[in-house]
């Protein structure tokens, strides 16, 4: 390969950014503020209700405004990063997130806090996409799996750290401290990004796809809002059905439009790539298992085993800590050659994830000991499968579209987690309704069913019915994750064979070489 003079828009050759691990630390710090905000506010609900006079509907919007806006803008944020510069959008995201955190700290009414949370969602969408895109840019093929493993571990860390940090702050300060703590973190990250992170962007020069951006936002917000509303209003309520219909129509129109314009925001031809399809299907089902299991475990710990919100969060921490330990030590990346590369890693990880879910269902129904074993097994599976899946998604997309790839990965996580909550929650409700005693028939939740009981035996029967519903849901999730892992592995294995048979063109794409996608290239890019 001929030498090409590096510039600010290219991926540096291996070892060139001597500070690349320091850059990754900065990126992870920025990412941590985003993912913590998804969990830390849950413990503040009583304080918000009392001090801001928030109604139940207000609290729901405070919690959901952030995730709704973030999920609706992920593809747009990724496209903007590719077009205008990944470092530039990372800086904009940090600035928006920090200013919105200040606004949330100073909020005097529920409406002000909801507005600030929505703006934080905009910054969060930019940070989620740019942090992964920059990680892809600064690491070569050899180091990238470990780097993505560390990046993805930050998401898992939020499950353990969010309730702990939130509970500690509320024990000593007022609810605004949950957002005030973001300010020094974003300030440090902003200075470090400006000083350390190299700029990179696509030089395509195509016109912005404004209609595609609008349709993708409408589609994702509609689907996510339906998923969020389902457990509250019921899956057959008018709000859920209308929102889901708007979302599905929006996404269908988005796909139709993207196929018919010369410069789409998301090239739908990626979905003809077996590697991409395998990674996408596996990514959705890993997120499905994680999102659904966290939803079920939270209810199991609080409603069946009787732990409070903070205690329940702490008892779920072993899952996240296992993920962090395996990926920060690089163990997951070192296992890849021994397990048969990407397909083998996905099969192994998703099999362990399904075994963990099954163990929780069969061994953790009435005690924490069996549940702990399942959490650790799940953590090992997630640590192996999730970074591998993210790397596979990003590797199937041209380096010049790294931001869009990160947006796709983030959208998959949002969709998969929401789908897990919806499907496994529906299984739980169905099983619970079938098993509750006659005296509580028709009750839509455990508290409502308990309110209709009169004796200790009836209350025990209701609790047992709910625990059985959770166990059945976890088994359904285990089967879905296992079958999804098999499907993803088969598709990826076929893609690798097809790629090697065609000179490796299909399987390639994980790393942007110096000069590719940004200036003169030593060789023309392979045709799709």
Protein backbone atom coordinates (compact mmCIF):
# COMPACT_ATOMS: atom_id res chain seq x y z
CA UNK A 1 0.00 0.00 0.00
CA UNK A 2 1.43 3.39 -0.97
CA UNK A 3 2.03 5.96 1.71
CA UNK A 4 -0.49 8.72 2.15
CA UNK A 5 0.15 11.87 4.10
CA UNK A 6 -2.13 11.86 7.14
CA UNK A 7 -4.49 14.74 7.71
CA UNK A 8 -7.12 15.60 10.27
CA UNK A 9 -9.84 13.73 8.45
CA UNK A 10 -8.20 10.33 8.25
CA UNK A 11 -7.81 7.53 10.69
CA UNK A 12 -4.31 7.62 12.10
CA UNK A 13 -2.20 4.52 11.43
CA UNK A 14 -1.76 2.11 14.34
CA UNK A 15 0.14 3.77 17.16
CA UNK A 16 0.02 7.29 15.67
CA UNK A 17 -2.27 8.75 18.31
CA UNK A 18 -0.03 7.84 21.22
CA UNK A 19 -2.78 9.21 23.44
CA UNK A 20 -5.48 6.95 21.94
CA UNK A 21 -6.13 5.12 25.24
CA UNK A 22 -6.33 8.46 27.02
CA UNK A 23 -8.75 9.62 24.32
CA UNK A 24 -10.82 6.49 24.95
CA UNK A 25 -10.90 7.32 28.67
CA UNK A 26 -12.20 10.80 27.84
CA UNK A 27 -14.79 9.35 25.47
CA UNK A 28 -15.95 6.87 28.10
CA UNK A 29 -16.25 9.68 30.64
CA UNK A 30 -18.52 11.56 28.24
CA UNK A 31 -20.49 8.38 27.52
CA UNK A 32 -20.91 7.66 31.23
CA UNK A 33 -22.75 10.93 31.85
CA UNK A 34 -25.23 10.01 29.11
CA UNK A 35 -25.99 6.47 30.25
CA UNK A 36 -26.14 7.40 33.93
CA UNK A 37 -28.90 9.86 33.17
CA UNK A 38 -31.03 6.96 31.96
CA UNK A 39 -30.99 5.35 35.43
CA UNK A 40 -30.06 7.91 38.07
CA UNK A 41 -33.36 9.81 38.03
CA UNK A 42 -35.47 6.78 38.98
CA UNK A 43 -34.51 7.03 42.65
CA UNK A 44 -35.52 10.73 42.76
CA UNK A 45 -39.19 10.22 41.92
CA UNK A 46 -40.45 10.76 45.52
CA UNK A 47 -38.38 13.95 45.86
CA UNK A 48 -39.59 15.32 42.53
CA UNK A 49 -43.20 14.62 43.44
CA UNK A 50 -42.86 16.41 46.78
CA UNK A 51 -40.62 19.39 45.95
CA UNK A 52 -41.83 20.24 42.42
CA UNK A 53 -45.44 19.19 42.94
CA UNK A 54 -45.12 16.77 40.01
CA UNK A 55 -48.06 14.57 39.07
CA UNK A 56 -47.68 10.97 37.96
CA UNK A 57 -47.91 12.11 34.32
CA UNK A 58 -45.24 14.78 34.96
CA UNK A 59 -42.88 12.19 36.44
CA UNK A 60 -43.38 9.90 33.46
CA UNK A 61 -42.46 12.72 31.08
CA UNK A 62 -39.45 13.67 33.20
CA UNK A 63 -38.19 10.11 32.89
CA UNK A 64 -39.17 9.57 29.25
CA UNK A 65 -38.47 12.92 27.55
CA UNK A 66 -34.75 12.17 27.57
CA UNK A 67 -34.97 8.69 26.05
CA UNK A 68 -37.65 9.70 23.51
CA UNK A 69 -35.61 12.58 22.11
CA UNK A 70 -32.36 10.62 22.19
CA UNK A 71 -33.77 7.58 20.36
CA UNK A 72 -35.47 9.77 17.75
CA UNK A 73 -32.25 11.61 16.90
CA UNK A 74 -29.63 8.85 16.88
CA UNK A 75 -29.52 8.38 13.09
CA UNK A 76 -29.64 12.14 12.51
CA UNK A 77 -26.84 12.69 15.02
CA UNK A 78 -24.67 10.02 13.39
CA UNK A 79 -25.23 11.49 9.93
CA UNK A 80 -24.38 14.98 11.20
CA UNK A 81 -21.15 13.68 12.73
CA UNK A 82 -20.07 12.16 9.40
CA UNK A 83 -20.99 15.30 7.50
CA UNK A 84 -19.77 18.10 9.76
CA UNK A 85 -17.04 16.39 11.80
CA UNK A 86 -17.14 13.81 14.58
CA UNK A 87 -15.03 15.86 16.97
CA UNK A 88 -17.12 18.95 16.28
CA UNK A 89 -20.38 17.13 17.01
CA UNK A 90 -18.85 15.54 20.12
CA UNK A 91 -18.03 19.05 21.40
CA UNK A 92 -21.54 20.29 20.54
CA UNK A 93 -23.06 17.28 22.31
CA UNK A 94 -21.02 17.87 25.46
CA UNK A 95 -21.88 21.57 25.49
CA UNK A 96 -25.60 20.92 25.02
CA UNK A 97 -25.61 18.21 27.66
CA UNK A 98 -23.80 20.42 30.17
CA UNK A 99 -26.02 23.47 29.59
CA UNK A 100 -29.18 21.38 29.76
CA UNK A 101 -27.92 19.79 33.01
CA UNK A 102 -27.53 23.29 34.44
CA UNK A 103 -31.07 24.11 33.31
CA UNK A 104 -32.38 20.93 34.98
CA UNK A 105 -30.54 21.84 38.20
CA UNK A 106 -32.22 25.24 38.29
CA UNK A 107 -35.68 24.03 37.22
CA UNK A 108 -38.54 25.39 39.33
CA UNK A 109 -41.43 23.51 37.74
CA UNK A 110 -42.10 20.11 36.15
CA UNK A 111 -42.38 21.74 32.71
CA UNK A 112 -38.93 23.32 33.00
CA UNK A 113 -37.37 20.03 34.05
CA UNK A 114 -39.07 18.15 31.21
CA UNK A 115 -37.76 20.72 28.71
CA UNK A 116 -34.23 20.48 30.10
CA UNK A 117 -34.37 16.69 29.91
CA UNK A 118 -35.42 16.89 26.26
CA UNK A 119 -32.41 19.10 25.44
CA UNK A 120 -30.20 16.66 27.32
CA UNK A 121 -31.58 13.99 24.98
CA UNK A 122 -30.29 15.96 21.98
CA UNK A 123 -26.83 16.14 23.52
CA UNK A 124 -27.06 12.48 24.49
CA UNK A 125 -27.81 11.42 20.91
CA UNK A 126 -24.73 13.29 19.68
CA UNK A 127 -22.54 11.77 22.38
CA UNK A 128 -23.72 8.18 21.89
CA UNK A 129 -22.96 8.28 18.16
CA UNK A 130 -19.76 10.34 18.15
CA UNK A 131 -18.06 8.45 20.97
CA UNK A 132 -18.39 5.13 19.13
CA UNK A 133 -17.48 6.70 15.75
CA UNK A 134 -14.33 8.27 17.20
CA UNK A 135 -13.39 4.95 18.83
CA UNK A 136 -13.62 3.31 15.41
CA UNK A 137 -11.40 6.04 13.94
CA UNK A 138 -8.49 6.03 16.39
CA UNK A 139 -7.96 2.28 16.85
CA UNK A 140 -6.75 -0.24 14.29
CA UNK A 141 -8.21 -3.68 13.67
CA UNK A 142 -6.01 -5.33 16.31
CA UNK A 143 -6.91 -2.98 19.17
CA UNK A 144 -10.48 -2.12 18.18
CA UNK A 145 -12.24 -5.14 19.80
CA UNK A 146 -10.77 -4.33 23.21
CA UNK A 147 -11.54 -0.62 22.78
CA UNK A 148 -15.17 -1.27 21.82
CA UNK A 149 -15.43 -3.72 24.73
CA UNK A 150 -14.38 -0.96 27.14
CA UNK A 151 -16.76 1.52 25.46
CA UNK A 152 -19.71 -0.88 25.70
CA UNK A 153 -18.91 -1.68 29.34
CA UNK A 154 -19.72 1.90 30.23
CA UNK A 155 -23.34 1.23 29.26
CA UNK A 156 -23.47 -1.74 31.63
CA UNK A 157 -21.79 0.26 34.40
CA UNK A 158 -24.77 2.61 34.48
CA UNK A 159 -27.04 -0.19 35.74
CA UNK A 160 -24.84 -0.58 38.82
CA UNK A 161 -23.68 3.00 39.34
CA UNK A 162 -26.91 4.87 38.56
CA UNK A 163 -29.01 3.86 41.59
CA UNK A 164 -25.96 3.98 43.89
CA UNK A 165 -24.89 7.48 42.82
CA UNK A 166 -28.48 8.74 42.82
CA UNK A 167 -29.21 7.33 46.27
CA UNK A 168 -25.97 8.71 47.74
CA UNK A 169 -26.55 12.21 46.38
CA UNK A 170 -30.16 12.29 47.58
CA UNK A 171 -29.07 11.20 51.06
CA UNK A 172 -26.88 14.31 51.36
CA UNK A 173 -28.19 16.92 48.90
CA UNK A 174 -31.36 17.98 47.05
CA UNK A 175 -32.65 16.40 43.83
CA UNK A 176 -30.92 19.02 41.64
CA UNK A 177 -27.54 17.54 42.62
CA UNK A 178 -28.32 14.62 40.28
CA UNK A 179 -27.85 17.03 37.37
CA UNK A 180 -25.34 19.40 38.98
CA UNK A 181 -22.78 16.57 39.16
CA UNK A 182 -22.81 16.46 35.34
CA UNK A 183 -21.28 19.95 35.05
CA UNK A 184 -17.69 19.27 36.20
CA UNK A 185 -17.68 15.97 34.30
CA UNK A 186 -18.78 17.57 31.02
CA UNK A 187 -16.38 20.49 31.53
CA UNK A 188 -13.41 18.14 31.99
CA UNK A 189 -14.49 16.03 29.02
CA UNK A 190 -14.96 19.13 26.84
CA UNK A 191 -11.45 20.44 27.52
CA UNK A 192 -9.93 16.99 26.97
CA UNK A 193 -11.83 16.45 23.70
CA UNK A 194 -10.70 19.82 22.33
CA UNK A 195 -7.09 19.04 23.25
CA UNK A 196 -6.81 15.35 22.34
CA UNK A 197 -9.42 14.05 19.90
CA UNK A 198 -8.50 14.27 16.19
CA UNK A 199 -11.11 15.53 13.75
CA UNK A 200 -12.54 13.21 11.10
CA UNK A 201 -15.44 13.50 8.68
CA UNK A 202 -16.72 12.35 5.31
CA UNK A 203 -15.93 14.49 2.27
CA UNK A 204 -18.90 13.27 0.22
CA UNK A 205 -20.37 16.73 -0.29
CA UNK A 206 -23.90 15.38 -0.85
CA UNK A 207 -26.98 17.40 0.09
CA UNK A 208 -28.54 16.83 3.53
CA UNK A 209 -31.42 14.36 3.54
CA UNK A 210 -33.93 16.52 5.43
CA UNK A 211 -37.03 14.46 4.68
CA UNK A 212 -35.25 11.25 5.64
CA UNK A 213 -34.20 12.85 8.93
CA UNK A 214 -37.79 13.90 9.67
CA UNK A 215 -39.24 10.48 8.81
CA UNK A 216 -36.65 8.61 10.88
CA UNK A 217 -37.37 10.85 13.87
CA UNK A 218 -41.15 10.40 13.58
CA UNK A 219 -40.79 6.64 13.19
CA UNK A 220 -38.44 6.07 16.11
CA UNK A 221 -40.27 8.42 18.50
CA UNK A 222 -43.59 6.74 17.64
CA UNK A 223 -42.28 3.22 18.24
CA UNK A 224 -40.38 4.12 21.44
CA UNK A 225 -43.33 6.08 22.85
CA UNK A 226 -45.60 3.07 22.26
CA UNK A 227 -43.14 0.80 24.05
CA UNK A 228 -42.81 3.23 26.97
CA UNK A 229 -46.59 3.69 27.27
CA UNK A 230 -47.51 0.00 27.00
CA UNK A 231 -46.77 -1.04 30.61
CA UNK A 232 -48.62 2.05 31.92
CA UNK A 233 -51.78 2.26 29.78
CA UNK A 234 -51.97 -1.31 28.46
CA UNK A 235 -50.73 -2.70 25.16
CA UNK A 236 -54.16 -2.45 23.50
CA UNK A 237 -54.89 1.13 24.61
CA UNK A 238 -55.55 3.80 22.00
CA UNK A 239 -52.38 5.70 22.93
CA UNK A 240 -50.17 2.68 22.31
CA UNK A 241 -51.87 1.54 19.11
CA UNK A 242 -51.92 5.01 17.53
CA UNK A 243 -48.33 5.73 18.53
CA UNK A 244 -47.14 2.35 17.24
CA UNK A 245 -49.01 2.85 13.95
CA UNK A 246 -47.45 6.29 13.46
CA UNK A 247 -44.01 4.87 14.22
CA UNK A 248 -44.34 1.90 11.86
CA UNK A 249 -45.70 4.06 9.03
CA UNK A 250 -42.93 6.60 9.62
CA UNK A 251 -40.20 3.96 9.46
CA UNK A 252 -41.76 2.35 6.36
CA UNK A 253 -41.87 5.72 4.59
CA UNK A 254 -38.28 6.36 5.71
CA UNK A 255 -37.11 3.09 4.12
CA UNK A 256 -39.13 3.83 0.94
CA UNK A 257 -37.61 7.31 0.67
CA UNK A 258 -34.04 6.22 1.40
CA UNK A 259 -34.21 3.65 -1.43
CA UNK A 260 -35.14 6.31 -3.96
CA UNK A 261 -32.73 9.17 -3.40
CA UNK A 262 -29.12 9.35 -4.63
CA UNK A 263 -27.58 10.33 -1.27
CA UNK A 264 -29.61 8.72 1.53
CA UNK A 265 -28.99 9.34 5.21
CA UNK A 266 -28.96 5.55 5.71
CA UNK A 267 -28.07 3.47 2.69
CA UNK A 268 -30.72 0.71 2.76
CA UNK A 269 -28.46 -1.45 0.57
CA UNK A 270 -26.50 -2.21 3.75
CA UNK A 271 -29.36 -4.58 4.52
CA UNK A 272 -28.27 -6.74 1.57
CA UNK A 273 -24.99 -7.38 3.35
CA UNK A 274 -25.18 -10.70 5.24
CA UNK A 275 -22.62 -9.52 7.76
CA UNK A 276 -24.70 -6.43 8.49
CA UNK A 277 -27.96 -8.43 8.75
CA UNK A 278 -26.34 -10.97 11.06
CA UNK A 279 -24.94 -8.26 13.31
CA UNK A 280 -28.21 -6.34 13.33
CA UNK A 281 -30.35 -9.36 14.22
CA UNK A 282 -27.95 -10.44 16.94
CA UNK A 283 -27.64 -6.91 18.33
CA UNK A 284 -31.41 -6.53 18.62
CA UNK A 285 -31.71 -9.84 20.48
CA UNK A 286 -28.82 -9.13 22.87
CA UNK A 287 -30.52 -5.82 23.71
CA UNK A 288 -33.85 -7.70 23.87
CA UNK A 289 -32.44 -10.05 26.49
CA UNK A 290 -30.78 -7.24 28.47
CA UNK A 291 -33.72 -4.83 28.38
CA UNK A 292 -36.32 -7.47 29.13
CA UNK A 293 -34.29 -9.11 31.88
CA UNK A 294 -33.55 -5.81 33.66
CA UNK A 295 -37.26 -4.96 33.50
CA UNK A 296 -38.20 -8.35 34.99
CA UNK A 297 -35.38 -8.44 37.54
CA UNK A 298 -36.32 -5.03 38.92
CA UNK A 299 -39.87 -6.20 39.55
CA UNK A 300 -38.69 -9.57 40.88
CA UNK A 301 -36.33 -8.02 43.43
CA UNK A 302 -38.78 -5.34 44.59
CA UNK A 303 -42.19 -7.01 44.35
CA UNK A 304 -41.33 -10.67 45.01
CA UNK A 305 -38.20 -10.59 47.21
CA UNK A 306 -39.18 -7.31 48.90
CA UNK A 307 -36.09 -5.12 48.35
CA UNK A 308 -36.30 -1.33 48.08
CA UNK A 309 -35.25 0.49 44.87
CA UNK A 310 -31.69 1.22 46.05
CA UNK A 311 -31.18 -2.29 47.48
CA UNK A 312 -32.58 -3.81 44.28
CA UNK A 313 -30.15 -1.76 42.20
CA UNK A 314 -27.21 -2.87 44.31
CA UNK A 315 -28.20 -6.52 44.00
CA UNK A 316 -28.24 -6.22 40.22
CA UNK A 317 -24.72 -4.77 40.26
CA UNK A 318 -22.91 -8.13 39.80
CA UNK A 319 -24.20 -8.30 36.22
CA UNK A 320 -22.68 -4.93 35.33
CA UNK A 321 -19.49 -5.49 37.31
CA UNK A 322 -18.89 -8.81 35.53
CA UNK A 323 -19.22 -7.07 32.15
CA UNK A 324 -16.81 -4.32 33.22
CA UNK A 325 -14.25 -6.75 34.64
CA UNK A 326 -14.13 -8.94 31.53
CA UNK A 327 -13.95 -6.10 29.01
CA UNK A 328 -11.60 -3.78 30.90
CA UNK A 329 -9.10 -6.61 31.27
CA UNK A 330 -9.35 -7.38 27.54
CA UNK A 331 -10.38 -10.98 28.24
CA UNK A 332 -13.25 -10.83 25.76
CA UNK A 333 -10.98 -9.65 22.93
CA UNK A 334 -8.41 -12.38 23.71
CA UNK A 335 -11.08 -15.07 23.56
CA UNK A 336 -12.12 -14.24 19.98
CA UNK A 337 -9.51 -16.40 18.16
CA UNK A 338 -10.17 -19.36 20.45
CA UNK A 339 -13.95 -19.19 20.05
CA UNK A 340 -13.92 -19.01 16.25
CA UNK A 341 -13.97 -15.29 15.54
CA UNK A 342 -17.12 -13.19 15.37
CA UNK A 343 -19.66 -16.03 14.81
CA UNK A 344 -18.19 -18.12 17.61
CA UNK A 345 -18.12 -15.16 20.00
CA UNK A 346 -21.76 -14.40 19.28
CA UNK A 347 -22.87 -18.02 19.74
CA UNK A 348 -20.90 -18.32 22.98
CA UNK A 349 -22.03 -14.97 24.39
CA UNK A 350 -25.71 -15.35 23.56
CA UNK A 351 -25.75 -18.95 24.78
CA UNK A 352 -24.34 -17.81 28.14
CA UNK A 353 -26.86 -14.96 28.23
CA UNK A 354 -29.71 -17.42 27.67
CA UNK A 355 -28.29 -19.83 30.29
CA UNK A 356 -28.13 -16.96 32.78
CA UNK A 357 -31.75 -16.03 32.12
CA UNK A 358 -32.81 -19.65 32.53
CA UNK A 359 -30.81 -19.96 35.77
CA UNK A 360 -32.53 -16.89 37.21
CA UNK A 361 -35.91 -18.34 36.23
CA UNK A 362 -35.28 -21.80 37.71
CA UNK A 363 -32.99 -21.04 40.68
CA UNK A 364 -33.75 -17.46 41.71
CA UNK A 365 -37.50 -17.54 42.19
CA UNK A 366 -37.43 -17.31 46.00
CA UNK A 367 -33.85 -16.44 47.01
CA UNK A 368 -31.02 -14.16 45.93
CA UNK A 369 -28.39 -16.93 45.77
CA UNK A 370 -29.70 -18.55 42.61
CA UNK A 371 -30.37 -15.16 41.09
CA UNK A 372 -26.75 -14.10 41.75
CA UNK A 373 -25.39 -17.07 39.81
CA UNK A 374 -27.64 -16.21 36.87
CA UNK A 375 -26.54 -12.55 36.95
CA UNK A 376 -22.86 -13.49 36.75
CA UNK A 377 -23.45 -15.91 33.86
CA UNK A 378 -25.49 -13.24 32.06
CA UNK A 379 -22.69 -10.73 32.62
CA UNK A 380 -20.14 -13.05 31.01
CA UNK A 381 -22.44 -13.57 28.03
CA UNK A 382 -23.11 -9.85 27.57
CA UNK A 383 -19.38 -9.05 27.87
CA UNK A 384 -18.64 -11.48 25.05
CA UNK A 385 -21.58 -10.82 22.73
CA UNK A 386 -22.33 -7.10 22.94
CA UNK A 387 -18.92 -5.64 21.93
CA UNK A 388 -18.60 -8.29 19.22
CA UNK A 389 -21.99 -7.29 17.86
CA UNK A 390 -21.17 -3.58 17.90
CA UNK A 391 -17.87 -4.22 16.11
CA UNK A 392 -19.65 -6.38 13.51
CA UNK A 393 -22.25 -3.67 12.82
CA UNK A 394 -19.59 -0.98 12.48
CA UNK A 395 -17.34 -3.22 10.36
CA UNK A 396 -20.12 -3.84 7.85
CA UNK A 397 -20.49 -0.09 7.16
CA UNK A 398 -17.93 1.96 5.18
CA UNK A 399 -15.55 3.96 7.42
CA UNK A 400 -16.79 7.24 5.92
CA UNK A 401 -20.20 6.41 7.45
CA UNK A 402 -18.89 5.61 10.94
CA UNK A 403 -21.29 8.09 12.53
CA UNK A 404 -24.30 6.55 10.77
CA UNK A 405 -23.05 3.13 11.85
CA UNK A 406 -22.93 4.31 15.45
CA UNK A 407 -26.44 5.71 15.04
CA UNK A 408 -27.64 2.34 13.72
CA UNK A 409 -25.99 0.56 16.65
CA UNK A 410 -27.59 2.94 19.16
CA UNK A 411 -30.99 2.62 17.49
CA UNK A 412 -30.70 -1.18 17.64
CA UNK A 413 -30.00 -1.02 21.35
CA UNK A 414 -32.98 1.26 21.99
CA UNK A 415 -35.30 -0.84 19.84
CA UNK A 416 -34.10 -4.17 21.21
CA UNK A 417 -34.40 -3.07 24.84
CA UNK A 418 -37.87 -1.67 24.24
CA UNK A 419 -38.91 -4.83 22.40
CA UNK A 420 -37.65 -6.94 25.31
CA UNK A 421 -39.73 -4.93 27.79
CA UNK A 422 -42.81 -5.13 25.53
CA UNK A 423 -42.67 -8.85 24.69
CA UNK A 424 -41.52 -10.22 28.03
CA UNK A 425 -43.83 -7.82 29.86
CA UNK A 426 -46.75 -9.13 27.81
CA UNK A 427 -45.77 -12.72 28.65
CA UNK A 428 -45.60 -11.79 32.34
CA UNK A 429 -49.05 -10.18 32.30
CA UNK A 430 -50.60 -13.09 30.43
CA UNK A 431 -49.15 -15.73 32.74
CA UNK A 432 -50.00 -13.70 35.86
CA UNK A 433 -53.61 -13.23 34.73
CA UNK A 434 -53.95 -16.97 34.11
CA UNK A 435 -52.64 -17.99 37.54
CA UNK A 436 -54.03 -15.46 40.02
CA UNK A 437 -56.81 -16.70 42.30
CA UNK A 438 -60.42 -15.96 41.43
CA UNK A 439 -60.75 -13.29 44.10
CA UNK A 440 -58.17 -11.13 42.27
CA UNK A 441 -59.30 -11.95 38.73
CA UNK A 442 -59.10 -8.99 36.37
CA UNK A 443 -56.38 -7.15 38.33
CA UNK A 444 -53.79 -5.70 35.97
CA UNK A 445 -50.85 -5.56 38.38
CA UNK A 446 -49.48 -7.17 41.52
CA UNK A 447 -50.47 -4.28 43.85
CA UNK A 448 -53.99 -4.23 42.39
CA UNK A 449 -54.33 -8.00 42.84
CA UNK A 450 -53.06 -7.85 46.44
CA UNK A 451 -55.57 -5.11 47.23
CA UNK A 452 -58.40 -7.54 46.41
CA UNK A 453 -57.17 -10.33 48.70
CA UNK A 454 -58.52 -10.98 52.20
CA UNK A 455 -56.38 -13.77 53.65
CA UNK A 456 -52.72 -14.67 53.92
CA UNK A 457 -53.28 -17.69 51.68
CA UNK A 458 -54.74 -15.50 48.93
CA UNK A 459 -51.83 -13.06 49.16
CA UNK A 460 -49.36 -15.94 48.96
CA UNK A 461 -51.16 -17.30 45.90
CA UNK A 462 -51.00 -13.89 44.19
CA UNK A 463 -47.28 -13.57 44.94
CA UNK A 464 -46.65 -17.08 43.63
CA UNK A 465 -48.60 -16.31 40.45
CA UNK A 466 -46.50 -13.20 39.85
CA UNK A 467 -43.24 -15.05 40.52
CA UNK A 468 -44.33 -17.79 38.11
CA UNK A 469 -45.13 -15.16 35.47
CA UNK A 470 -41.66 -13.64 35.82
CA UNK A 471 -40.05 -17.09 35.60
CA UNK A 472 -41.97 -17.96 32.44
CA UNK A 473 -41.04 -14.62 30.87
CA UNK A 474 -37.37 -15.19 31.60
CA UNK A 475 -37.51 -18.64 30.00
CA UNK A 476 -39.15 -17.16 26.89
CA UNK A 477 -36.39 -14.55 26.78
CA UNK A 478 -33.74 -17.25 27.15
CA UNK A 479 -35.12 -19.23 24.21
CA UNK A 480 -35.41 -16.10 22.02
CA UNK A 481 -31.83 -15.02 22.78
CA UNK A 482 -30.42 -18.50 22.13
CA UNK A 483 -32.23 -18.91 18.78
CA UNK A 484 -31.25 -15.37 17.80
CA UNK A 485 -27.61 -16.16 18.53
CA UNK A 486 -27.75 -19.20 16.30
CA UNK A 487 -29.34 -17.19 13.47
CA UNK A 488 -26.82 -14.33 13.76
CA UNK A 489 -23.88 -16.75 13.83
CA UNK A 490 -25.10 -18.62 10.73
CA UNK A 491 -25.55 -15.37 8.79
CA UNK A 492 -22.14 -14.05 9.84
CA UNK A 493 -20.42 -17.35 9.02
CA UNK A 494 -21.98 -17.34 5.55
CA UNK A 495 -20.91 -13.72 5.07
CA UNK A 496 -17.32 -14.60 6.02
CA UNK A 497 -17.26 -17.51 3.57
CA UNK A 498 -18.77 -15.38 0.80
CA UNK A 499 -16.31 -12.60 1.58
CA UNK A 500 -13.27 -14.87 1.49
CA UNK A 501 -14.52 -16.39 -1.76
CA UNK A 502 -14.83 -12.95 -3.31
CA UNK A 503 -11.45 -11.75 -2.12
CA UNK A 504 -12.70 -10.57 1.26
CA UNK A 505 -14.60 -7.57 -0.01
CA UNK A 506 -17.79 -8.28 1.90
CA UNK A 507 -16.24 -9.29 5.16
CA UNK A 508 -13.91 -6.32 5.14
CA UNK A 509 -14.84 -2.83 6.24
CA UNK A 510 -13.99 -2.76 9.91
CA UNK A 511 -11.14 -0.30 9.71
CA UNK A 512 -10.65 2.89 7.80
CA UNK A 513 -7.12 2.96 6.49
CA UNK A 514 -5.13 6.15 6.28
CA UNK A 515 -6.61 8.38 3.65
CA UNK A 516 -9.69 6.24 2.94
CA UNK A 517 -12.93 8.17 2.78
CA UNK A 518 -11.18 11.50 3.29
CA UNK A 519 -8.94 12.63 0.53
CA UNK A 520 -6.78 10.63 -1.88
CA UNK A 521 -6.93 6.90 -1.40
CA UNK A 522 -4.24 4.45 -2.44
CA UNK A 523 -6.86 2.37 -4.23
CA UNK A 524 -10.45 2.88 -5.21
CA UNK A 525 -13.05 1.68 -2.72
CA UNK A 526 -14.59 -1.66 -3.64
CA UNK A 527 -17.96 -1.42 -5.28
CA UNK A 528 -20.96 -2.45 -3.23
